Amino acid sequence: MMGNGRPAQARREGTFEREPARRVFAGELRESRVHFKEGQDEKSPTYILLPTGERCNRIFLVGTLTEKRKQGEQNLFYRARVVDPTGTFFVMAGSYQPEAMQQMARLEPPAFVSVVGKPSVYEPPDGAPLISVRCESITLSDKDVRDHWVLDTARATLDRIDHSPGTPDGERARKEYAGEPAMFRRMVFDALAQLKI
């Protein structure tokens, strides 16, 4: 559901609206472990519930590409690490995302990049859940775009902390996650403190 209470992927003239890409810091995404599907349809969207109380199906991130690895032969795909001021995003692009895979193939670390993708939770039998982002697009960026993304993401995170209590997703996050909102406020202010603007 979006903030207005309507399904975010409602049909409009026979097509699905795309979910908005949420701005999320790596430090918050790393703490997210609740995921669920909305509806029974095969194409129903899958969501991750953020600890700050909002569901997300797609995210938008900007950071520094620090590592890239090509894997597989017949089923070629790339794994990469993208770092923001709060931690690391694990990003991948494969044959199901041919455009994103070609974009990633052309990038060389270190470089600022902008990524739109879908977060997925993997639960290994012998460890903590791992979250990776399946790229829809990954493009070369710059420091100014990264700094503005940090400012916008800080604002969006604080907005979720302040306005999610009392919403269904906010209540569910409060029950599912033991972390206090103060932890994410500190994360935001630490991220802002790293900006040299």
N, C-alpha and C. Protein backbone atom coordinates (compact mmCIF):
# COMPACT_ATOMS: atom_id res chain seq x y z
N MET A 1 0.85 -1.20 0.00
CA MET A 1 0.00 0.00 0.00
C MET A 1 0.88 1.23 0.00
N MET A 2 0.45 2.25 -0.68
CA MET A 2 1.14 3.51 -0.62
C MET A 2 0.55 4.32 0.52
N GLY A 3 1.10 5.52 0.71
CA GLY A 3 0.65 6.35 1.81
C GLY A 3 -0.82 6.70 1.74
N ASN A 4 -1.39 6.70 0.53
CA ASN A 4 -2.80 7.06 0.40
C ASN A 4 -3.73 5.88 0.62
N GLY A 5 -3.15 4.71 0.97
CA GLY A 5 -3.98 3.57 1.29
C GLY A 5 -4.41 2.73 0.10
N ARG A 6 -4.03 3.14 -1.14
CA ARG A 6 -4.39 2.34 -2.30
C ARG A 6 -3.28 1.35 -2.62
N PRO A 7 -3.61 0.20 -3.22
CA PRO A 7 -2.55 -0.71 -3.62
C PRO A 7 -1.60 0.01 -4.56
N ALA A 8 -0.30 -0.15 -4.30
CA ALA A 8 0.68 0.59 -5.09
C ALA A 8 0.78 0.05 -6.51
N GLN A 9 0.40 -1.21 -6.70
CA GLN A 9 0.53 -1.78 -8.02
C GLN A 9 -0.86 -2.01 -8.60
N ALA A 10 -1.69 -0.98 -8.52
CA ALA A 10 -3.06 -1.10 -9.00
C ALA A 10 -3.08 -1.13 -10.53
N ARG A 11 -4.08 -1.81 -11.06
CA ARG A 11 -4.23 -1.83 -12.52
C ARG A 11 -4.75 -0.48 -13.00
N ARG A 12 -4.15 -0.01 -14.09
CA ARG A 12 -4.64 1.21 -14.71
C ARG A 12 -4.62 0.98 -16.20
N GLU A 13 -5.80 0.94 -16.81
CA GLU A 13 -5.95 0.71 -18.23
C GLU A 13 -5.19 -0.54 -18.67
N GLY A 14 -5.35 -1.62 -17.91
CA GLY A 14 -4.77 -2.90 -18.29
C GLY A 14 -3.30 -3.08 -17.99
N THR A 15 -2.65 -2.09 -17.37
CA THR A 15 -1.24 -2.24 -17.04
C THR A 15 -1.05 -2.04 -15.55
N PHE A 16 0.11 -2.48 -15.05
CA PHE A 16 0.43 -2.29 -13.64
C PHE A 16 1.25 -1.03 -13.47
N GLU A 17 0.91 -0.24 -12.46
CA GLU A 17 1.76 0.88 -12.10
C GLU A 17 3.00 0.33 -11.42
N ARG A 18 4.13 0.97 -11.67
CA ARG A 18 5.36 0.54 -11.01
C ARG A 18 5.39 1.05 -9.59
N GLU A 19 5.93 0.23 -8.71
CA GLU A 19 6.13 0.65 -7.32
C GLU A 19 7.12 1.81 -7.28
N PRO A 20 6.92 2.78 -6.39
CA PRO A 20 7.93 3.83 -6.25
C PRO A 20 9.21 3.24 -5.66
N ALA A 21 10.36 3.74 -6.10
CA ALA A 21 11.64 3.29 -5.57
C ALA A 21 11.96 4.11 -4.32
N ARG A 22 12.02 3.45 -3.18
CA ARG A 22 12.26 4.13 -1.90
C ARG A 22 13.75 4.40 -1.71
N ARG A 23 14.05 5.52 -1.10
CA ARG A 23 15.43 5.83 -0.73
C ARG A 23 15.71 5.21 0.63
N VAL A 24 16.69 4.32 0.68
CA VAL A 24 17.00 3.58 1.91
C VAL A 24 18.52 3.52 2.07
N PHE A 25 18.99 3.78 3.28
CA PHE A 25 20.41 3.62 3.57
C PHE A 25 20.76 2.13 3.69
N ALA A 26 22.01 1.80 3.36
CA ALA A 26 22.47 0.41 3.49
C ALA A 26 22.33 -0.07 4.94
N GLY A 27 22.58 0.82 5.90
CA GLY A 27 22.50 0.44 7.30
C GLY A 27 21.11 0.00 7.72
N GLU A 28 20.08 0.59 7.13
CA GLU A 28 18.71 0.15 7.45
C GLU A 28 18.34 -1.10 6.67
N LEU A 29 18.72 -1.14 5.40
CA LEU A 29 18.39 -2.32 4.59
C LEU A 29 19.01 -3.57 5.20
N ARG A 30 20.23 -3.44 5.73
CA ARG A 30 20.93 -4.58 6.34
C ARG A 30 20.14 -5.14 7.53
N GLU A 31 19.41 -4.28 8.24
CA GLU A 31 18.63 -4.72 9.41
C GLU A 31 17.26 -5.27 9.04
N SER A 32 16.87 -5.15 7.77
CA SER A 32 15.54 -5.60 7.33
C SER A 32 15.57 -7.11 7.09
N ARG A 33 14.61 -7.82 7.66
CA ARG A 33 14.55 -9.27 7.44
C ARG A 33 13.14 -9.78 7.22
N VAL A 34 12.13 -8.91 7.35
CA VAL A 34 10.75 -9.33 7.15
C VAL A 34 10.39 -9.10 5.69
N HIS A 35 9.98 -10.15 5.00
CA HIS A 35 9.56 -10.01 3.60
C HIS A 35 8.27 -10.79 3.40
N PHE A 36 7.44 -10.30 2.50
CA PHE A 36 6.13 -10.92 2.30
C PHE A 36 5.61 -10.57 0.92
N LYS A 37 4.64 -11.35 0.47
CA LYS A 37 4.02 -11.13 -0.83
C LYS A 37 2.64 -10.55 -0.61
N GLU A 38 2.26 -9.60 -1.45
CA GLU A 38 0.94 -8.98 -1.36
C GLU A 38 0.05 -9.60 -2.42
N GLY A 39 -0.87 -10.46 -2.00
CA GLY A 39 -1.77 -11.10 -2.95
C GLY A 39 -1.30 -12.49 -3.34
N GLN A 40 -2.18 -13.25 -4.00
CA GLN A 40 -1.90 -14.64 -4.36
C GLN A 40 -1.43 -14.79 -5.80
N ASP A 41 -1.61 -13.75 -6.60
CA ASP A 41 -1.24 -13.82 -8.01
C ASP A 41 0.27 -14.04 -8.17
N GLU A 42 0.65 -14.77 -9.22
CA GLU A 42 2.07 -15.03 -9.47
C GLU A 42 2.86 -13.74 -9.63
N LYS A 43 2.20 -12.72 -10.18
CA LYS A 43 2.89 -11.44 -10.41
C LYS A 43 2.68 -10.45 -9.27
N SER A 44 2.08 -10.90 -8.18
CA SER A 44 1.89 -10.01 -7.03
C SER A 44 3.24 -9.55 -6.52
N PRO A 45 3.35 -8.27 -6.12
CA PRO A 45 4.65 -7.76 -5.68
C PRO A 45 5.10 -8.36 -4.35
N THR A 46 6.40 -8.50 -4.21
CA THR A 46 7.03 -8.94 -2.96
C THR A 46 7.63 -7.72 -2.29
N TYR A 47 7.45 -7.62 -0.97
CA TYR A 47 7.92 -6.44 -0.23
C TYR A 47 8.91 -6.84 0.86
N ILE A 48 9.77 -5.89 1.19
CA ILE A 48 10.57 -5.96 2.41
C ILE A 48 10.01 -4.90 3.35
N LEU A 49 9.83 -5.26 4.62
CA LEU A 49 9.36 -4.30 5.61
C LEU A 49 10.58 -3.66 6.26
N LEU A 50 10.73 -2.35 6.07
CA LEU A 50 11.85 -1.63 6.66
C LEU A 50 11.63 -1.45 8.16
N PRO A 51 12.69 -1.48 8.95
CA PRO A 51 12.53 -1.28 10.40
C PRO A 51 11.91 0.07 10.77
N THR A 52 12.05 1.07 9.87
CA THR A 52 11.44 2.38 10.15
C THR A 52 9.96 2.42 9.78
N GLY A 53 9.39 1.28 9.35
CA GLY A 53 7.93 1.18 9.26
C GLY A 53 7.30 1.40 7.91
N GLU A 54 8.01 1.11 6.83
CA GLU A 54 7.41 1.21 5.50
C GLU A 54 7.84 0.01 4.68
N ARG A 55 6.91 -0.49 3.86
CA ARG A 55 7.24 -1.59 2.96
C ARG A 55 7.89 -1.04 1.70
N CYS A 56 8.76 -1.81 1.09
CA CYS A 56 9.33 -1.38 -0.19
C CYS A 56 9.52 -2.57 -1.11
N ASN A 57 9.23 -2.34 -2.36
CA ASN A 57 9.36 -3.34 -3.41
C ASN A 57 10.55 -3.00 -4.31
N ARG A 58 10.88 -1.71 -4.38
CA ARG A 58 12.01 -1.23 -5.19
C ARG A 58 12.72 -0.16 -4.37
N ILE A 59 14.05 -0.06 -4.59
CA ILE A 59 14.80 0.98 -3.89
C ILE A 59 15.68 1.75 -4.87
N PHE A 60 16.04 2.96 -4.47
CA PHE A 60 16.95 3.81 -5.24
C PHE A 60 18.12 4.13 -4.33
N LEU A 61 19.33 3.84 -4.80
CA LEU A 61 20.51 4.10 -3.99
C LEU A 61 21.61 4.72 -4.83
N VAL A 62 22.46 5.49 -4.17
CA VAL A 62 23.63 6.08 -4.82
C VAL A 62 24.81 5.88 -3.89
N GLY A 63 25.92 5.40 -4.42
CA GLY A 63 27.09 5.17 -3.59
C GLY A 63 28.31 4.90 -4.44
N THR A 64 29.35 4.37 -3.81
CA THR A 64 30.60 4.09 -4.50
C THR A 64 30.68 2.61 -4.82
N LEU A 65 30.80 2.31 -6.12
CA LEU A 65 31.05 0.94 -6.54
C LEU A 65 32.49 0.60 -6.17
N THR A 66 32.66 -0.34 -5.23
CA THR A 66 34.00 -0.66 -4.74
C THR A 66 34.52 -1.99 -5.25
N GLU A 67 33.62 -2.84 -5.74
CA GLU A 67 34.04 -4.18 -6.18
C GLU A 67 33.02 -4.71 -7.17
N LYS A 68 33.52 -5.44 -8.17
CA LYS A 68 32.63 -6.05 -9.17
C LYS A 68 33.22 -7.38 -9.58
N ARG A 69 32.38 -8.43 -9.63
CA ARG A 69 32.85 -9.75 -10.03
C ARG A 69 31.89 -10.34 -11.06
N LYS A 70 32.47 -10.92 -12.11
CA LYS A 70 31.67 -11.64 -13.11
C LYS A 70 31.66 -13.10 -12.71
N GLN A 71 30.47 -13.73 -12.74
CA GLN A 71 30.35 -15.13 -12.33
C GLN A 71 29.52 -15.90 -13.34
N GLY A 72 29.74 -17.21 -13.36
CA GLY A 72 28.96 -18.07 -14.24
C GLY A 72 29.49 -18.04 -15.66
N GLU A 73 29.08 -19.03 -16.44
CA GLU A 73 29.46 -19.07 -17.85
C GLU A 73 28.22 -19.07 -18.72
N GLN A 74 27.40 -20.10 -18.58
CA GLN A 74 26.16 -20.12 -19.37
C GLN A 74 25.16 -19.11 -18.81
N ASN A 75 25.04 -19.08 -17.49
CA ASN A 75 24.16 -18.09 -16.85
C ASN A 75 25.05 -17.00 -16.24
N LEU A 76 25.48 -16.11 -17.08
CA LEU A 76 26.40 -15.04 -16.66
C LEU A 76 25.69 -14.03 -15.78
N PHE A 77 26.33 -13.61 -14.71
CA PHE A 77 25.80 -12.50 -13.91
C PHE A 77 26.95 -11.80 -13.19
N TYR A 78 26.66 -10.59 -12.71
CA TYR A 78 27.63 -9.79 -11.99
C TYR A 78 27.17 -9.60 -10.55
N ARG A 79 28.13 -9.66 -9.64
CA ARG A 79 27.90 -9.26 -8.25
C ARG A 79 28.77 -8.05 -7.98
N ALA A 80 28.25 -7.11 -7.21
CA ALA A 80 29.02 -5.90 -6.91
C ALA A 80 28.71 -5.42 -5.51
N ARG A 81 29.61 -4.60 -4.99
CA ARG A 81 29.40 -3.93 -3.71
C ARG A 81 29.32 -2.44 -3.98
N VAL A 82 28.30 -1.80 -3.40
CA VAL A 82 28.14 -0.35 -3.49
C VAL A 82 28.04 0.18 -2.07
N VAL A 83 28.89 1.13 -1.74
CA VAL A 83 29.01 1.61 -0.36
C VAL A 83 28.41 3.01 -0.23
N ASP A 84 27.58 3.19 0.81
CA ASP A 84 27.10 4.53 1.18
C ASP A 84 27.68 4.87 2.56
N PRO A 85 27.38 6.03 3.15
CA PRO A 85 27.99 6.38 4.43
C PRO A 85 27.61 5.47 5.60
N THR A 86 26.64 4.56 5.41
CA THR A 86 26.18 3.72 6.52
C THR A 86 26.55 2.25 6.35
N GLY A 87 27.10 1.86 5.20
CA GLY A 87 27.42 0.46 5.01
C GLY A 87 27.46 0.07 3.54
N THR A 88 27.24 -1.23 3.29
CA THR A 88 27.41 -1.80 1.95
C THR A 88 26.11 -2.40 1.43
N PHE A 89 25.79 -2.08 0.17
CA PHE A 89 24.73 -2.76 -0.57
C PHE A 89 25.37 -3.87 -1.40
N PHE A 90 24.76 -5.06 -1.41
CA PHE A 90 25.21 -6.14 -2.29
C PHE A 90 24.27 -6.14 -3.49
N VAL A 91 24.85 -5.89 -4.66
CA VAL A 91 24.06 -5.63 -5.86
C VAL A 91 24.39 -6.70 -6.89
N MET A 92 23.36 -7.12 -7.66
CA MET A 92 23.62 -8.11 -8.70
C MET A 92 22.79 -7.82 -9.94
N ALA A 93 23.29 -8.27 -11.08
CA ALA A 93 22.56 -8.15 -12.34
C ALA A 93 22.90 -9.36 -13.19
N GLY A 94 21.87 -9.99 -13.74
CA GLY A 94 22.08 -11.19 -14.54
C GLY A 94 21.28 -11.17 -15.82
N SER A 95 21.12 -12.34 -16.42
CA SER A 95 20.50 -12.42 -17.74
C SER A 95 19.03 -12.02 -17.72
N TYR A 96 18.39 -12.04 -16.53
CA TYR A 96 17.00 -11.59 -16.46
C TYR A 96 16.91 -10.07 -16.48
N GLN A 97 18.04 -9.41 -16.28
CA GLN A 97 18.11 -7.94 -16.34
C GLN A 97 19.20 -7.58 -17.36
N PRO A 98 18.99 -7.89 -18.66
CA PRO A 98 20.07 -7.74 -19.64
C PRO A 98 20.60 -6.32 -19.75
N GLU A 99 19.71 -5.33 -19.66
CA GLU A 99 20.17 -3.94 -19.76
C GLU A 99 21.06 -3.58 -18.58
N ALA A 100 20.62 -3.95 -17.36
CA ALA A 100 21.42 -3.66 -16.17
C ALA A 100 22.74 -4.43 -16.21
N MET A 101 22.71 -5.66 -16.74
CA MET A 101 23.93 -6.45 -16.82
C MET A 101 24.94 -5.79 -17.76
N GLN A 102 24.47 -5.28 -18.88
CA GLN A 102 25.35 -4.58 -19.82
C GLN A 102 25.89 -3.29 -19.20
N GLN A 103 25.02 -2.58 -18.47
CA GLN A 103 25.47 -1.36 -17.80
C GLN A 103 26.57 -1.68 -16.79
N MET A 104 26.37 -2.75 -15.98
CA MET A 104 27.36 -3.10 -14.97
C MET A 104 28.66 -3.55 -15.62
N ALA A 105 28.58 -4.24 -16.74
CA ALA A 105 29.78 -4.72 -17.43
C ALA A 105 30.70 -3.57 -17.82
N ARG A 106 30.11 -2.40 -18.11
CA ARG A 106 30.90 -1.25 -18.56
C ARG A 106 31.51 -0.45 -17.41
N LEU A 107 31.05 -0.68 -16.19
CA LEU A 107 31.52 0.11 -15.05
C LEU A 107 32.78 -0.49 -14.45
N GLU A 108 33.69 0.38 -14.03
CA GLU A 108 34.90 -0.08 -13.36
C GLU A 108 35.04 0.60 -12.01
N PRO A 109 35.19 -0.16 -10.94
CA PRO A 109 35.39 0.45 -9.62
C PRO A 109 36.79 1.04 -9.52
N PRO A 110 36.97 2.06 -8.68
CA PRO A 110 35.93 2.73 -7.89
C PRO A 110 35.21 3.78 -8.74
N ALA A 111 33.91 3.91 -8.53
CA ALA A 111 33.11 4.90 -9.25
C ALA A 111 31.82 5.14 -8.50
N PHE A 112 31.33 6.38 -8.55
CA PHE A 112 29.99 6.67 -8.02
C PHE A 112 28.97 6.10 -8.99
N VAL A 113 27.94 5.42 -8.45
CA VAL A 113 26.88 4.86 -9.28
C VAL A 113 25.52 5.13 -8.67
N SER A 114 24.51 5.18 -9.54
CA SER A 114 23.11 5.25 -9.12
C SER A 114 22.45 3.94 -9.51
N VAL A 115 21.69 3.37 -8.58
CA VAL A 115 21.09 2.05 -8.79
C VAL A 115 19.60 2.10 -8.45
N VAL A 116 18.79 1.54 -9.33
CA VAL A 116 17.39 1.25 -9.02
C VAL A 116 17.25 -0.27 -9.10
N GLY A 117 16.66 -0.86 -8.06
CA GLY A 117 16.53 -2.31 -8.08
C GLY A 117 15.57 -2.82 -7.03
N LYS A 118 15.43 -4.14 -7.03
CA LYS A 118 14.50 -4.81 -6.10
C LYS A 118 15.30 -5.54 -5.03
N PRO A 119 15.03 -5.24 -3.76
CA PRO A 119 15.73 -5.96 -2.69
C PRO A 119 15.12 -7.35 -2.49
N SER A 120 16.01 -8.31 -2.25
CA SER A 120 15.57 -9.68 -1.99
C SER A 120 16.25 -10.19 -0.73
N VAL A 121 15.51 -10.94 0.08
CA VAL A 121 16.06 -11.52 1.30
C VAL A 121 16.37 -12.98 1.05
N TYR A 122 17.61 -13.37 1.36
CA TYR A 122 18.02 -14.77 1.30
C TYR A 122 18.29 -15.24 2.71
N GLU A 123 17.72 -16.39 3.08
CA GLU A 123 17.89 -16.90 4.43
C GLU A 123 18.69 -18.19 4.39
N PRO A 124 20.01 -18.08 4.54
CA PRO A 124 20.83 -19.30 4.55
C PRO A 124 20.51 -20.13 5.79
N PRO A 125 20.62 -21.45 5.69
CA PRO A 125 20.24 -22.29 6.82
C PRO A 125 21.13 -22.09 8.04
N ASP A 126 22.34 -21.58 7.81
CA ASP A 126 23.29 -21.51 8.92
C ASP A 126 23.76 -20.09 9.24
N GLY A 127 22.89 -19.11 9.02
CA GLY A 127 23.34 -17.76 9.32
C GLY A 127 22.24 -16.73 9.25
N ALA A 128 22.64 -15.47 9.40
CA ALA A 128 21.69 -14.37 9.39
C ALA A 128 21.20 -14.13 7.96
N PRO A 129 19.97 -13.57 7.81
CA PRO A 129 19.47 -13.26 6.47
C PRO A 129 20.40 -12.29 5.74
N LEU A 130 20.51 -12.49 4.43
CA LEU A 130 21.31 -11.62 3.59
C LEU A 130 20.39 -10.92 2.60
N ILE A 131 20.63 -9.63 2.39
CA ILE A 131 19.79 -8.88 1.46
C ILE A 131 20.65 -8.42 0.30
N SER A 132 20.19 -8.72 -0.91
CA SER A 132 20.86 -8.21 -2.10
C SER A 132 19.85 -7.41 -2.91
N VAL A 133 20.38 -6.58 -3.80
CA VAL A 133 19.54 -5.74 -4.65
C VAL A 133 19.72 -6.19 -6.10
N ARG A 134 18.65 -6.63 -6.71
CA ARG A 134 18.67 -7.04 -8.11
C ARG A 134 18.46 -5.81 -8.98
N CYS A 135 19.47 -5.44 -9.74
CA CYS A 135 19.45 -4.18 -10.50
C CYS A 135 18.39 -4.16 -11.59
N GLU A 136 17.68 -3.05 -11.68
CA GLU A 136 16.92 -2.72 -12.88
C GLU A 136 17.76 -1.79 -13.75
N SER A 137 18.54 -0.92 -13.09
CA SER A 137 19.49 -0.07 -13.80
C SER A 137 20.63 0.30 -12.86
N ILE A 138 21.83 0.45 -13.43
CA ILE A 138 22.99 0.92 -12.67
C ILE A 138 23.79 1.82 -13.61
N THR A 139 23.92 3.08 -13.24
CA THR A 139 24.55 4.04 -14.13
C THR A 139 25.61 4.85 -13.39
N LEU A 140 26.58 5.33 -14.16
CA LEU A 140 27.64 6.15 -13.61
C LEU A 140 27.04 7.43 -13.03
N SER A 141 27.55 7.85 -11.88
CA SER A 141 27.03 9.03 -11.20
C SER A 141 28.21 9.90 -10.78
N ASP A 142 27.99 10.81 -9.84
CA ASP A 142 29.10 11.65 -9.36
C ASP A 142 28.85 12.03 -7.90
N LYS A 143 29.82 12.71 -7.32
CA LYS A 143 29.77 13.02 -5.89
C LYS A 143 28.59 13.93 -5.55
N ASP A 144 28.28 14.90 -6.41
CA ASP A 144 27.15 15.80 -6.12
C ASP A 144 25.84 15.03 -6.04
N VAL A 145 25.63 14.10 -6.98
CA VAL A 145 24.40 13.29 -6.96
C VAL A 145 24.38 12.43 -5.69
N ARG A 146 25.54 11.84 -5.34
CA ARG A 146 25.61 11.03 -4.12
C ARG A 146 25.28 11.86 -2.89
N ASP A 147 25.84 13.08 -2.80
CA ASP A 147 25.59 13.92 -1.63
C ASP A 147 24.12 14.31 -1.54
N HIS A 148 23.50 14.63 -2.68
CA HIS A 148 22.07 14.96 -2.66
C HIS A 148 21.24 13.74 -2.28
N TRP A 149 21.66 12.56 -2.75
CA TRP A 149 20.94 11.34 -2.37
C TRP A 149 21.01 11.13 -0.86
N VAL A 150 22.18 11.36 -0.27
CA VAL A 150 22.32 11.21 1.18
C VAL A 150 21.36 12.16 1.90
N LEU A 151 21.29 13.41 1.46
CA LEU A 151 20.38 14.39 2.08
C LEU A 151 18.93 13.95 1.93
N ASP A 152 18.54 13.52 0.72
CA ASP A 152 17.16 13.10 0.48
C ASP A 152 16.81 11.83 1.26
N THR A 153 17.77 10.91 1.36
CA THR A 153 17.53 9.65 2.06
C THR A 153 17.46 9.89 3.56
N ALA A 154 18.27 10.82 4.06
CA ALA A 154 18.19 11.19 5.48
C ALA A 154 16.79 11.74 5.79
N ARG A 155 16.31 12.62 4.92
CA ARG A 155 14.97 13.21 5.12
C ARG A 155 13.89 12.13 5.07
N ALA A 156 13.99 11.23 4.08
CA ALA A 156 12.98 10.17 3.93
C ALA A 156 12.99 9.22 5.13
N THR A 157 14.18 8.91 5.65
CA THR A 157 14.29 8.01 6.79
C THR A 157 13.67 8.64 8.04
N LEU A 158 14.01 9.90 8.30
CA LEU A 158 13.43 10.59 9.46
C LEU A 158 11.92 10.72 9.31
N ASP A 159 11.46 10.93 8.08
CA ASP A 159 10.02 11.03 7.83
C ASP A 159 9.32 9.71 8.16
N ARG A 160 9.95 8.59 7.79
CA ARG A 160 9.36 7.29 8.12
C ARG A 160 9.31 7.09 9.64
N ILE A 161 10.40 7.45 10.32
CA ILE A 161 10.45 7.29 11.78
C ILE A 161 9.34 8.10 12.44
N ASP A 162 9.13 9.33 11.94
CA ASP A 162 8.15 10.23 12.58
C ASP A 162 6.71 9.90 12.22
N HIS A 163 6.47 9.35 11.03
CA HIS A 163 5.09 9.21 10.57
C HIS A 163 4.58 7.79 10.46
N SER A 164 5.45 6.78 10.60
CA SER A 164 4.94 5.40 10.48
C SER A 164 4.22 4.89 11.72
N PRO A 165 4.55 5.37 12.95
CA PRO A 165 3.79 4.86 14.10
C PRO A 165 2.29 5.09 13.90
N GLY A 166 1.52 4.05 14.18
CA GLY A 166 0.07 4.16 13.99
C GLY A 166 -0.40 3.63 12.65
N THR A 167 0.50 3.50 11.67
CA THR A 167 0.12 2.89 10.40
C THR A 167 0.26 1.37 10.53
N PRO A 168 -0.46 0.61 9.69
CA PRO A 168 -0.34 -0.86 9.79
C PRO A 168 1.10 -1.34 9.63
N ASP A 169 1.82 -0.78 8.64
CA ASP A 169 3.21 -1.21 8.45
C ASP A 169 4.09 -0.77 9.61
N GLY A 170 3.81 0.41 10.14
CA GLY A 170 4.58 0.90 11.28
C GLY A 170 4.38 0.05 12.51
N GLU A 171 3.14 -0.38 12.75
CA GLU A 171 2.86 -1.24 13.90
C GLU A 171 3.51 -2.61 13.74
N ARG A 172 3.47 -3.11 12.51
CA ARG A 172 4.09 -4.42 12.27
C ARG A 172 5.61 -4.33 12.47
N ALA A 173 6.21 -3.26 11.98
CA ALA A 173 7.66 -3.09 12.14
C ALA A 173 8.03 -3.00 13.62
N ARG A 174 7.20 -2.31 14.40
CA ARG A 174 7.47 -2.16 15.83
C ARG A 174 7.47 -3.53 16.53
N LYS A 175 6.55 -4.41 16.09
CA LYS A 175 6.48 -5.75 16.70
C LYS A 175 7.60 -6.67 16.20
N GLU A 176 7.93 -6.55 14.91
CA GLU A 176 8.90 -7.48 14.31
C GLU A 176 10.35 -7.14 14.65
N TYR A 177 10.62 -5.84 14.78
CA TYR A 177 12.00 -5.40 14.99
C TYR A 177 12.14 -4.83 16.40
N ALA A 178 13.16 -5.30 17.10
CA ALA A 178 13.35 -4.83 18.48
C ALA A 178 14.09 -3.49 18.53
N GLY A 179 14.71 -3.09 17.42
CA GLY A 179 15.52 -1.87 17.41
C GLY A 179 14.71 -0.62 17.69
N GLU A 180 15.30 0.29 18.41
CA GLU A 180 14.64 1.55 18.73
C GLU A 180 14.82 2.53 17.57
N PRO A 181 13.83 3.40 17.32
CA PRO A 181 14.00 4.42 16.28
C PRO A 181 15.25 5.27 16.48
N ALA A 182 15.66 5.43 17.74
CA ALA A 182 16.85 6.24 18.02
C ALA A 182 18.08 5.70 17.29
N MET A 183 18.13 4.39 17.12
CA MET A 183 19.26 3.77 16.41
C MET A 183 19.35 4.29 14.98
N PHE A 184 18.19 4.44 14.32
CA PHE A 184 18.18 4.89 12.93
C PHE A 184 18.33 6.41 12.84
N ARG A 185 17.89 7.13 13.86
CA ARG A 185 18.19 8.57 13.90
C ARG A 185 19.69 8.79 13.97
N ARG A 186 20.36 8.01 14.81
CA ARG A 186 21.83 8.13 14.92
C ARG A 186 22.49 7.80 13.59
N MET A 187 21.99 6.78 12.92
CA MET A 187 22.53 6.39 11.61
C MET A 187 22.42 7.55 10.62
N VAL A 188 21.26 8.22 10.62
CA VAL A 188 21.04 9.36 9.73
C VAL A 188 22.03 10.47 10.03
N PHE A 189 22.18 10.82 11.30
CA PHE A 189 23.07 11.93 11.65
C PHE A 189 24.53 11.58 11.41
N ASP A 190 24.89 10.31 11.59
CA ASP A 190 26.26 9.88 11.27
C ASP A 190 26.51 10.00 9.77
N ALA A 191 25.51 9.63 8.97
CA ALA A 191 25.65 9.74 7.50
C ALA A 191 25.82 11.19 7.09
N LEU A 192 25.00 12.07 7.66
CA LEU A 192 25.10 13.49 7.33
C LEU A 192 26.43 14.07 7.75
N ALA A 193 26.95 13.59 8.88
CA ALA A 193 28.23 14.11 9.38
C ALA A 193 29.39 13.77 8.44
N GLN A 194 29.23 12.73 7.64
CA GLN A 194 30.30 12.33 6.71
C GLN A 194 30.32 13.15 5.44
N LEU A 195 29.26 13.91 5.18
CA LEU A 195 29.23 14.72 3.96
C LEU A 195 30.15 15.92 4.13
N LYS A 196 30.90 16.19 3.09
CA LYS A 196 31.76 17.37 3.12
C LYS A 196 31.25 18.34 2.07
N ILE A 197 30.13 18.99 2.42
CA ILE A 197 29.51 19.92 1.44
C ILE A 197 29.33 21.28 2.10
